[in-house]
Amino acid sequence: MTTHGSPHIDPAVPPSGTGCSECDEGGGWWFHLRRCATCGHVGCCDSSPAQHASAHAAATGHQVIRSYEPGESWFWNYATNEYVEDGPELAPPLSHPADQPAPGPAGRVPGDWRAHLN
């Protein structure tokens, strides 16, 4: 995947928030978070029960995401199923707050959360 200069990556767009937008609206929870590299939408990963990041990609055509986990900087292209370890620097913040647990958010994760992963 070529990330630099990609029409699917806008380095200037900040993330939409600190957690999955849809899970926050509906009271859900996530395993890990992903950030749309086109519009900044933060959604939950495909291991999460609701898989909002890939649903966002399918609904919008925004095919490139970046991990939104502390210490991770890899990108994924849903259209080509390609992984890239590093790409262009995106607008901060680059991850959810370090004190926010994964899975998260605190207080909404069921005790048997592992049984709910995809």
Protein backbone atom coordinates (compact mmCIF):
# COMPACT_ATOMS: atom_id res chain seq x y z
CA MET A 1 0.00 0.00 0.00
CA THR A 2 1.33 3.42 -0.86
CA THR A 3 0.31 5.73 1.95
CA HIS A 4 2.18 8.93 1.21
CA GLY A 5 0.07 11.13 -1.02
CA SER A 6 -2.82 8.66 -0.89
CA PRO A 7 -6.26 10.18 -1.50
CA HIS A 8 -7.41 7.97 1.40
CA ILE A 9 -5.15 9.66 3.95
CA ASP A 10 -5.58 13.22 5.20
CA PRO A 11 -2.80 13.87 7.73
CA ALA A 12 -4.39 17.15 8.88
CA VAL A 13 -7.69 15.69 10.14
CA PRO A 14 -7.78 15.08 13.91
CA PRO A 15 -9.46 12.00 15.42
CA SER A 16 -13.16 12.21 16.25
CA GLY A 17 -12.63 11.47 19.93
CA THR A 18 -11.03 9.20 22.50
CA GLY A 19 -13.28 6.17 21.93
CA CYS A 20 -15.48 4.48 19.36
CA SER A 21 -18.08 7.04 18.29
CA GLU A 22 -20.92 4.52 17.85
CA CYS A 23 -20.12 2.51 21.00
CA ASP A 24 -20.06 5.73 23.01
CA GLU A 25 -23.46 6.76 21.60
CA GLY A 26 -25.02 3.35 22.27
CA GLY A 27 -23.34 2.48 25.57
CA GLY A 28 -21.22 -0.29 24.04
CA TRP A 29 -17.61 -1.24 24.56
CA TRP A 30 -14.58 -2.09 22.41
CA PHE A 31 -11.50 -4.27 22.43
CA HIS A 32 -9.16 -1.98 20.44
CA LEU A 33 -9.65 1.25 18.52
CA ARG A 34 -8.95 2.21 14.90
CA ARG A 35 -8.83 5.68 13.35
CA CYS A 36 -10.02 6.45 9.82
CA ALA A 37 -7.08 8.02 7.98
CA THR A 38 -9.48 9.93 5.71
CA CYS A 39 -11.89 11.65 8.11
CA GLY A 40 -10.61 10.84 11.63
CA HIS A 41 -13.60 8.69 12.66
CA VAL A 42 -12.63 6.51 15.64
CA GLY A 43 -14.24 3.09 15.60
CA CYS A 44 -13.79 -0.27 17.29
CA CYS A 45 -11.68 -3.02 15.71
CA ASP A 46 -12.89 -6.18 13.99
CA SER A 47 -12.30 -8.23 17.17
CA SER A 48 -14.75 -5.95 19.01
CA PRO A 49 -18.40 -7.04 19.19
CA ALA A 50 -19.69 -4.23 16.94
CA GLN A 51 -16.80 -3.81 14.44
CA HIS A 52 -17.59 -0.13 13.83
CA ALA A 53 -14.27 0.76 12.11
CA SER A 54 -14.81 -1.68 9.23
CA ALA A 55 -18.52 -0.74 9.07
CA HIS A 56 -17.45 2.90 8.68
CA ALA A 57 -15.06 1.94 5.87
CA ALA A 58 -17.78 -0.03 4.07
CA ALA A 59 -20.36 2.76 4.44
CA THR A 60 -18.09 5.64 3.41
CA GLY A 61 -15.48 4.13 1.09
CA HIS A 62 -12.77 5.41 3.45
CA GLN A 63 -10.55 2.38 3.08
CA VAL A 64 -7.45 3.20 5.19
CA ILE A 65 -7.30 3.06 8.99
CA ARG A 66 -4.52 3.54 11.51
CA SER A 67 -4.30 1.87 14.88
CA TYR A 68 -5.49 4.20 17.64
CA GLU A 69 -3.72 2.24 20.38
CA PRO A 70 -0.81 3.75 22.35
CA GLY A 71 2.56 2.79 20.84
CA GLU A 72 1.09 1.49 17.55
CA SER A 73 1.50 3.32 14.25
CA TRP A 74 0.48 0.74 11.62
CA PHE A 75 -2.06 1.29 8.84
CA TRP A 76 -4.50 -1.15 7.21
CA ASN A 77 -6.19 -0.83 3.82
CA TYR A 78 -9.57 -2.60 3.78
CA ALA A 79 -9.83 -2.42 -0.02
CA THR A 80 -6.52 -4.20 -0.68
CA ASN A 81 -6.16 -6.12 2.61
CA GLU A 82 -2.68 -4.68 3.00
CA TYR A 83 -0.87 -3.84 6.23
CA VAL A 84 1.82 -1.17 6.50
CA GLU A 85 3.91 -0.81 9.66
CA ASP A 86 4.37 2.95 9.35
CA GLY A 87 2.84 5.69 7.24
CA PRO A 88 2.57 9.46 7.35
CA GLU A 89 2.24 11.22 10.67
CA LEU A 90 -1.39 12.07 11.40
CA ALA A 91 -2.76 15.01 13.40
CA PRO A 92 -2.62 14.44 17.15
CA PRO A 93 -3.58 12.77 19.30
CA LEU A 94 -2.19 9.57 17.80
CA SER A 95 -3.96 7.24 20.23
CA HIS A 96 -6.62 7.12 22.88
CA PRO A 97 -5.42 8.33 26.30
CA ALA A 98 -2.82 5.98 27.77
CA ASP A 99 -4.84 5.66 30.98
CA GLN A 100 -7.93 4.47 29.07
CA PRO A 101 -8.07 0.68 29.36
CA ALA A 102 -8.29 -1.82 26.52
CA PRO A 103 -10.84 -3.24 26.39
CA GLY A 104 -12.72 -0.12 27.29
CA PRO A 105 -14.08 2.13 28.33
CA ALA A 106 -13.88 1.48 32.05
CA GLY A 107 -17.25 0.63 33.52
CA ARG A 108 -18.86 -0.68 30.32
CA VAL A 109 -16.82 -3.84 29.66
CA PRO A 110 -18.59 -7.04 30.78
CA GLY A 111 -16.72 -9.42 33.06
CA ASP A 112 -16.88 -12.14 30.40
CA TRP A 113 -15.67 -9.80 27.61
CA ARG A 114 -13.40 -12.44 26.04
CA ALA A 115 -16.47 -14.52 25.17
CA HIS A 116 -17.83 -11.61 23.13
CA LEU A 117 -14.80 -11.07 20.86
CA ASN A 118 -14.98 -11.86 17.15
